[in-house]
């Protein structure tokens, strides 16, 4: 059975440097016989979280925009590759909105994940850590790499000159697909731990 690997670019630009890294990773995943899909948040309507907590009992967001459709694609994926440009030492708004709004209801435990951050100079480590923290609290499984999955670029297309970043994207895409393929065949036991109905993903609702 083929694994499904989803790439999500959090850049507010289409055809961005972030998208280039993700698409490079997806191409490597495809060579590992994975089914691939790319979603660019720049072309979607992903609004900010209202912190109404209605998603906890509903299992989806109450806002009428594109978020729930993206969440559905994330839910069926076996591996997810996230990416964002660095905006003042944090992820860009489209990805931050997705993180905030899926954090309470979307189950991603046992899925394989990795993230990329792109910046002109400083701040990329902070942006990458935001993605990593999200994947960790969502109980995703992260493969390692030989170096940080970051890239340095300013203008569209500049990322291709960062040969180290391009090579890292290829390596991480391959590893996400390989690890996801193993976990599809042998799921980790804690995937099936019981979750109380009406609670947010994995935890109680004591902190509103």
C-alpha atoms as a PDB file:
ATOM      1  CA  UNK A   1       0.000   0.000   0.000  1.00  0.00           C
ATOM      2  CA  UNK A   2       1.355   3.402  -0.964  1.00  0.00           C
ATOM      3  CA  UNK A   3       1.922   6.014   1.701  1.00  0.00           C
ATOM      4  CA  UNK A   4       0.422   9.483   1.376  1.00  0.00           C
ATOM      5  CA  UNK A   5       2.775  12.417   1.928  1.00  0.00           C
ATOM      6  CA  UNK A   6       1.357  15.921   2.163  1.00  0.00           C
ATOM      7  CA  UNK A   7       3.355  19.117   1.806  1.00  0.00           C
ATOM      8  CA  UNK A   8       2.024  22.381   3.281  1.00  0.00           C
ATOM      9  CA  UNK A   9       3.628  25.702   2.445  1.00  0.00           C
ATOM     10  CA  UNK A  10       2.820  28.426   4.961  1.00  0.00           C
ATOM     11  CA  UNK A  11       4.223  31.187   2.804  1.00  0.00           C
ATOM     12  CA  UNK A  12       1.857  34.036   1.902  1.00  0.00           C
ATOM     13  CA  UNK A  13       3.464  34.013  -1.558  1.00  0.00           C
ATOM     14  CA  UNK A  14       2.722  31.603  -4.374  1.00  0.00           C
ATOM     15  CA  UNK A  15       5.758  30.019  -6.047  1.00  0.00           C
ATOM     16  CA  UNK A  16       7.803  30.891  -2.985  1.00  0.00           C
ATOM     17  CA  UNK A  17      11.217  29.670  -1.873  1.00  0.00           C
ATOM     18  CA  UNK A  18       9.437  27.733   0.878  1.00  0.00           C
ATOM     19  CA  UNK A  19       7.266  26.012  -1.707  1.00  0.00           C
ATOM     20  CA  UNK A  20      10.352  25.097  -3.714  1.00  0.00           C
ATOM     21  CA  UNK A  21      11.877  23.272  -0.741  1.00  0.00           C
ATOM     22  CA  UNK A  22       8.635  21.439   0.004  1.00  0.00           C
ATOM     23  CA  UNK A  23       8.100  20.437  -3.611  1.00  0.00           C
ATOM     24  CA  UNK A  24      11.694  19.189  -3.752  1.00  0.00           C
ATOM     25  CA  UNK A  25      11.023  17.059  -0.675  1.00  0.00           C
ATOM     26  CA  UNK A  26       7.782  15.749  -2.170  1.00  0.00           C
ATOM     27  CA  UNK A  27       9.557  14.749  -5.357  1.00  0.00           C
ATOM     28  CA  UNK A  28      11.957  12.654  -3.278  1.00  0.00           C
ATOM     29  CA  UNK A  29       8.982  11.098  -1.496  1.00  0.00           C
ATOM     30  CA  UNK A  30       7.407  10.289  -4.865  1.00  0.00           C
ATOM     31  CA  UNK A  31      10.581   8.432  -5.874  1.00  0.00           C
ATOM     32  CA  UNK A  32      10.011   6.270  -2.783  1.00  0.00           C
ATOM     33  CA  UNK A  33       6.656   5.270  -4.323  1.00  0.00           C
ATOM     34  CA  UNK A  34       4.595   7.603  -2.142  1.00  0.00           C
ATOM     35  CA  UNK A  35       1.477   9.431  -3.240  1.00  0.00           C
ATOM     36  CA  UNK A  36       2.178  13.138  -2.876  1.00  0.00           C
ATOM     37  CA  UNK A  37       0.023  16.232  -2.482  1.00  0.00           C
ATOM     38  CA  UNK A  38       0.956  19.898  -2.150  1.00  0.00           C
ATOM     39  CA  UNK A  39      -1.108  22.621  -0.483  1.00  0.00           C
ATOM     40  CA  UNK A  40      -0.084  26.259  -0.655  1.00  0.00           C
ATOM     41  CA  UNK A  41      -1.837  28.253   2.042  1.00  0.00           C
ATOM     42  CA  UNK A  42      -1.249  31.493   0.108  1.00  0.00           C
ATOM     43  CA  UNK A  43      -4.191  30.726  -2.161  1.00  0.00           C
ATOM     44  CA  UNK A  44      -6.541  29.745   0.680  1.00  0.00           C
ATOM     45  CA  UNK A  45      -8.609  31.570   3.269  1.00  0.00           C
ATOM     46  CA  UNK A  46      -7.214  30.508   6.646  1.00  0.00           C
ATOM     47  CA  UNK A  47      -8.333  33.008   9.261  1.00  0.00           C
ATOM     48  CA  UNK A  48      -7.015  33.488  12.783  1.00  0.00           C
ATOM     49  CA  UNK A  49      -8.195  31.361  15.700  1.00  0.00           C
ATOM     50  CA  UNK A  50     -11.057  32.894  17.711  1.00  0.00           C
ATOM     51  CA  UNK A  51     -10.310  30.680  20.739  1.00  0.00           C
ATOM     52  CA  UNK A  52     -13.999  29.867  21.087  1.00  0.00           C
ATOM     53  CA  UNK A  53     -13.187  26.209  21.937  1.00  0.00           C
ATOM     54  CA  UNK A  54     -16.153  24.996  19.876  1.00  0.00           C
ATOM     55  CA  UNK A  55     -13.863  22.701  17.880  1.00  0.00           C
ATOM     56  CA  UNK A  56     -13.274  20.513  20.946  1.00  0.00           C
ATOM     57  CA  UNK A  57     -16.723  18.862  21.002  1.00  0.00           C
ATOM     58  CA  UNK A  58     -17.334  19.256  17.246  1.00  0.00           C
ATOM     59  CA  UNK A  59     -14.068  17.788  15.992  1.00  0.00           C
ATOM     60  CA  UNK A  60     -13.738  20.618  13.470  1.00  0.00           C
ATOM     61  CA  UNK A  61     -13.513  24.405  13.372  1.00  0.00           C
ATOM     62  CA  UNK A  62     -16.761  26.386  13.296  1.00  0.00           C
ATOM     63  CA  UNK A  63     -15.369  29.075  11.013  1.00  0.00           C
ATOM     64  CA  UNK A  64     -16.516  28.935   7.395  1.00  0.00           C
ATOM     65  CA  UNK A  65     -13.252  29.100   5.486  1.00  0.00           C
ATOM     66  CA  UNK A  66     -10.717  26.648   4.013  1.00  0.00           C
ATOM     67  CA  UNK A  67      -9.234  25.365   7.285  1.00  0.00           C
ATOM     68  CA  UNK A  68     -11.382  22.251   7.682  1.00  0.00           C
ATOM     69  CA  UNK A  69     -10.620  21.123   4.137  1.00  0.00           C
ATOM     70  CA  UNK A  70      -6.895  21.336   4.846  1.00  0.00           C
ATOM     71  CA  UNK A  71      -7.378  19.526   8.160  1.00  0.00           C
ATOM     72  CA  UNK A  72      -9.132  16.689   6.327  1.00  0.00           C
ATOM     73  CA  UNK A  73      -6.139  16.283   4.011  1.00  0.00           C
ATOM     74  CA  UNK A  74      -3.800  16.308   7.008  1.00  0.00           C
ATOM     75  CA  UNK A  75      -5.888  13.650   8.749  1.00  0.00           C
ATOM     76  CA  UNK A  76      -5.582  11.139   5.912  1.00  0.00           C
ATOM     77  CA  UNK A  77      -1.892  11.753   5.228  1.00  0.00           C
ATOM     78  CA  UNK A  78       0.734   9.358   6.543  1.00  0.00           C
ATOM     79  CA  UNK A  79       3.415  12.043   6.538  1.00  0.00           C
ATOM     80  CA  UNK A  80       3.275  15.835   6.499  1.00  0.00           C
ATOM     81  CA  UNK A  81       6.016  18.229   5.425  1.00  0.00           C
ATOM     82  CA  UNK A  82       5.508  21.764   6.729  1.00  0.00           C
ATOM     83  CA  UNK A  83       7.355  24.881   5.655  1.00  0.00           C
ATOM     84  CA  UNK A  84       7.349  28.592   6.328  1.00  0.00           C
ATOM     85  CA  UNK A  85       9.397  31.682   5.661  1.00  0.00           C
ATOM     86  CA  UNK A  86      10.785  33.445   8.689  1.00  0.00           C
ATOM     87  CA  UNK A  87       8.662  36.475   9.586  1.00  0.00           C
ATOM     88  CA  UNK A  88      10.267  38.330  12.481  1.00  0.00           C
ATOM     89  CA  UNK A  89      11.632  35.121  14.045  1.00  0.00           C
ATOM     90  CA  UNK A  90       8.359  33.224  13.722  1.00  0.00           C
ATOM     91  CA  UNK A  91       6.348  31.360  11.118  1.00  0.00           C
ATOM     92  CA  UNK A  92       4.272  33.330   8.627  1.00  0.00           C
ATOM     93  CA  UNK A  93       0.646  34.118   9.420  1.00  0.00           C
ATOM     94  CA  UNK A  94      -0.987  31.477   7.162  1.00  0.00           C
ATOM     95  CA  UNK A  95       0.852  28.631   8.881  1.00  0.00           C
ATOM     96  CA  UNK A  96       0.458  30.143  12.347  1.00  0.00           C
ATOM     97  CA  UNK A  97      -3.301  30.340  11.828  1.00  0.00           C
ATOM     98  CA  UNK A  98      -3.353  26.686  10.766  1.00  0.00           C
ATOM     99  CA  UNK A  99      -1.309  25.657  13.808  1.00  0.00           C
ATOM    100  CA  UNK A 100      -3.505  27.603  16.221  1.00  0.00           C
ATOM    101  CA  UNK A 101      -6.763  26.303  14.802  1.00  0.00           C
ATOM    102  CA  UNK A 102      -5.884  22.631  14.383  1.00  0.00           C
ATOM    103  CA  UNK A 103      -4.135  22.316  17.735  1.00  0.00           C
ATOM    104  CA  UNK A 104      -7.279  21.501  19.702  1.00  0.00           C
ATOM    105  CA  UNK A 105      -9.099  19.004  17.502  1.00  0.00           C
ATOM    106  CA  UNK A 106      -6.926  17.451  14.789  1.00  0.00           C
ATOM    107  CA  UNK A 107      -5.317  14.085  15.605  1.00  0.00           C
ATOM    108  CA  UNK A 108      -1.894  13.634  14.003  1.00  0.00           C
ATOM    109  CA  UNK A 109      -0.365  11.130  16.410  1.00  0.00           C
ATOM    110  CA  UNK A 110       1.818   8.513  14.757  1.00  0.00           C
ATOM    111  CA  UNK A 111       2.161  10.432  11.498  1.00  0.00           C
ATOM    112  CA  UNK A 112       5.629  11.316  10.269  1.00  0.00           C
ATOM    113  CA  UNK A 113       6.505  14.987  10.027  1.00  0.00           C
ATOM    114  CA  UNK A 114       9.264  17.396   9.172  1.00  0.00           C
ATOM    115  CA  UNK A 115       9.525  21.141   8.748  1.00  0.00           C
ATOM    116  CA  UNK A 116      11.517  23.691   6.768  1.00  0.00           C
ATOM    117  CA  UNK A 117      12.169  27.341   7.498  1.00  0.00           C
ATOM    118  CA  UNK A 118      13.483  29.883   5.010  1.00  0.00           C
ATOM    119  CA  UNK A 119      14.903  33.306   5.803  1.00  0.00           C
ATOM    120  CA  UNK A 120      17.256  35.984   4.562  1.00  0.00           C
ATOM    121  CA  UNK A 121      19.568  35.800   7.554  1.00  0.00           C
ATOM    122  CA  UNK A 122      18.511  35.410  11.212  1.00  0.00           C
ATOM    123  CA  UNK A 123      15.341  34.089  12.839  1.00  0.00           C
ATOM    124  CA  UNK A 124      15.023  30.821  10.958  1.00  0.00           C
ATOM    125  CA  UNK A 125      15.849  28.695  14.008  1.00  0.00           C
ATOM    126  CA  UNK A 126      12.931  30.230  15.909  1.00  0.00           C
ATOM    127  CA  UNK A 127      10.591  29.645  12.974  1.00  0.00           C
ATOM    128  CA  UNK A 128      11.715  26.041  12.693  1.00  0.00           C
ATOM    129  CA  UNK A 129      11.240  25.490  16.428  1.00  0.00           C
ATOM    130  CA  UNK A 130       7.611  26.635  16.172  1.00  0.00           C
ATOM    131  CA  UNK A 131       6.962  23.937  13.578  1.00  0.00           C
ATOM    132  CA  UNK A 132       8.831  21.323  15.612  1.00  0.00           C
ATOM    133  CA  UNK A 133       6.941  22.186  18.814  1.00  0.00           C
ATOM    134  CA  UNK A 134       3.651  21.778  16.942  1.00  0.00           C
ATOM    135  CA  UNK A 135       4.644  18.383  15.543  1.00  0.00           C
ATOM    136  CA  UNK A 136       5.852  17.193  18.923  1.00  0.00           C
ATOM    137  CA  UNK A 137       2.699  18.157  20.838  1.00  0.00           C
ATOM    138  CA  UNK A 138       0.646  16.552  18.057  1.00  0.00           C
ATOM    139  CA  UNK A 139       2.618  13.334  18.732  1.00  0.00           C
ATOM    140  CA  UNK A 140       4.069  13.118  15.275  1.00  0.00           C
ATOM    141  CA  UNK A 141       7.281  11.191  14.623  1.00  0.00           C
ATOM    142  CA  UNK A 142      10.235  13.161  13.260  1.00  0.00           C
ATOM    143  CA  UNK A 143      13.136  11.662  11.304  1.00  0.00           C
ATOM    144  CA  UNK A 144      16.510  13.227  11.827  1.00  0.00           C
ATOM    145  CA  UNK A 145      18.722  14.820   9.207  1.00  0.00           C
ATOM    146  CA  UNK A 146      22.408  15.539   8.834  1.00  0.00           C
ATOM    147  CA  UNK A 147      21.802  19.268   9.313  1.00  0.00           C
ATOM    148  CA  UNK A 148      19.075  21.762  10.220  1.00  0.00           C
ATOM    149  CA  UNK A 149      16.307  21.888   7.581  1.00  0.00           C
ATOM    150  CA  UNK A 150      16.670  25.617   6.904  1.00  0.00           C
ATOM    151  CA  UNK A 151      17.345  27.666   3.817  1.00  0.00           C
ATOM    152  CA  UNK A 152      18.600  31.169   3.103  1.00  0.00           C
ATOM    153  CA  UNK A 153      16.921  33.237   0.409  1.00  0.00           C
ATOM    154  CA  UNK A 154      15.337  36.632  -0.203  1.00  0.00           C
ATOM    155  CA  UNK A 155      13.927  36.939  -3.712  1.00  0.00           C
ATOM    156  CA  UNK A 156      11.790  34.282  -5.451  1.00  0.00           C
ATOM    157  CA  UNK A 157      13.994  31.505  -6.778  1.00  0.00           C
ATOM    158  CA  UNK A 158      17.013  32.380  -4.610  1.00  0.00           C
ATOM    159  CA  UNK A 159      16.658  29.159  -2.628  1.00  0.00           C
ATOM    160  CA  UNK A 160      17.954  27.114  -5.561  1.00  0.00           C
ATOM    161  CA  UNK A 161      21.372  28.699  -5.003  1.00  0.00           C
ATOM    162  CA  UNK A 162      21.387  27.290  -1.466  1.00  0.00           C
ATOM    163  CA  UNK A 163      22.551  23.862  -2.528  1.00  0.00           C
ATOM    164  CA  UNK A 164      22.769  22.630   1.054  1.00  0.00           C
ATOM    165  CA  UNK A 165      19.094  23.471   1.672  1.00  0.00           C
ATOM    166  CA  UNK A 166      18.041  21.806  -1.567  1.00  0.00           C
ATOM    167  CA  UNK A 167      19.987  18.671  -0.680  1.00  0.00           C
ATOM    168  CA  UNK A 168      18.471  18.662   2.817  1.00  0.00           C
ATOM    169  CA  UNK A 169      14.972  18.944   1.329  1.00  0.00           C
ATOM    170  CA  UNK A 170      15.620  15.921  -0.867  1.00  0.00           C
ATOM    171  CA  UNK A 171      16.973  13.921   2.055  1.00  0.00           C
ATOM    172  CA  UNK A 172      14.103  14.791   4.379  1.00  0.00           C
ATOM    173  CA  UNK A 173      11.454  14.009   1.787  1.00  0.00           C
ATOM    174  CA  UNK A 174      13.003  10.600   1.275  1.00  0.00           C
ATOM    175  CA  UNK A 175      13.215   9.907   4.998  1.00  0.00           C
ATOM    176  CA  UNK A 176       9.642  11.009   5.692  1.00  0.00           C
ATOM    177  CA  UNK A 177       8.374   8.638   2.996  1.00  0.00           C
ATOM    178  CA  UNK A 178      10.554   5.751   4.145  1.00  0.00           C
ATOM    179  CA  UNK A 179       9.599   6.091   7.805  1.00  0.00           C
ATOM    180  CA  UNK A 180       5.915   6.586   7.002  1.00  0.00           C
ATOM    181  CA  UNK A 181       5.970   3.399   4.925  1.00  0.00           C
ATOM    182  CA  UNK A 182       7.320   1.444   7.888  1.00  0.00           C
ATOM    183  CA  UNK A 183       4.774   2.900  10.320  1.00  0.00           C
ATOM    184  CA  UNK A 184       1.854   2.205   8.005  1.00  0.00           C
ATOM    185  CA  UNK A 185       2.797  -1.467   8.097  1.00  0.00           C
ATOM    186  CA  UNK A 186       3.631  -1.502  11.827  1.00  0.00           C
ATOM    187  CA  UNK A 187       1.677   1.258  13.648  1.00  0.00           C
ATOM    188  CA  UNK A 188       2.979   2.324  17.022  1.00  0.00           C
ATOM    189  CA  UNK A 189       0.865   0.926  19.904  1.00  0.00           C
ATOM    190  CA  UNK A 190      -0.061   4.285  21.421  1.00  0.00           C
ATOM    191  CA  UNK A 191      -1.913   5.256  18.258  1.00  0.00           C
ATOM    192  CA  UNK A 192      -4.967   3.502  19.653  1.00  0.00           C
ATOM    193  CA  UNK A 193      -4.978   4.854  23.196  1.00  0.00           C
ATOM    194  CA  UNK A 194      -8.511   5.836  24.258  1.00  0.00           C
ATOM    195  CA  UNK A 195      -9.456   9.500  24.177  1.00  0.00           C
ATOM    196  CA  UNK A 196     -12.388  10.825  26.211  1.00  0.00           C
ATOM    197  CA  UNK A 197     -15.086  12.131  23.865  1.00  0.00           C
ATOM    198  CA  UNK A 198     -15.573  15.883  23.938  1.00  0.00           C
ATOM    199  CA  UNK A 199     -11.995  16.591  24.974  1.00  0.00           C
ATOM    200  CA  UNK A 200      -9.432  18.284  22.845  1.00  0.00           C
ATOM    201  CA  UNK A 201      -6.902  16.117  21.081  1.00  0.00           C
ATOM    202  CA  UNK A 202      -5.108  13.972  23.662  1.00  0.00           C
ATOM    203  CA  UNK A 203      -5.533  16.270  26.667  1.00  0.00           C
ATOM    204  CA  UNK A 204      -8.282  17.420  28.996  1.00  0.00           C
ATOM    205  CA  UNK A 205      -9.944  20.776  28.621  1.00  0.00           C
ATOM    206  CA  UNK A 206      -8.771  22.268  31.880  1.00  0.00           C
ATOM    207  CA  UNK A 207      -6.965  25.223  30.281  1.00  0.00           C
ATOM    208  CA  UNK A 208      -9.342  27.493  28.439  1.00  0.00           C
END
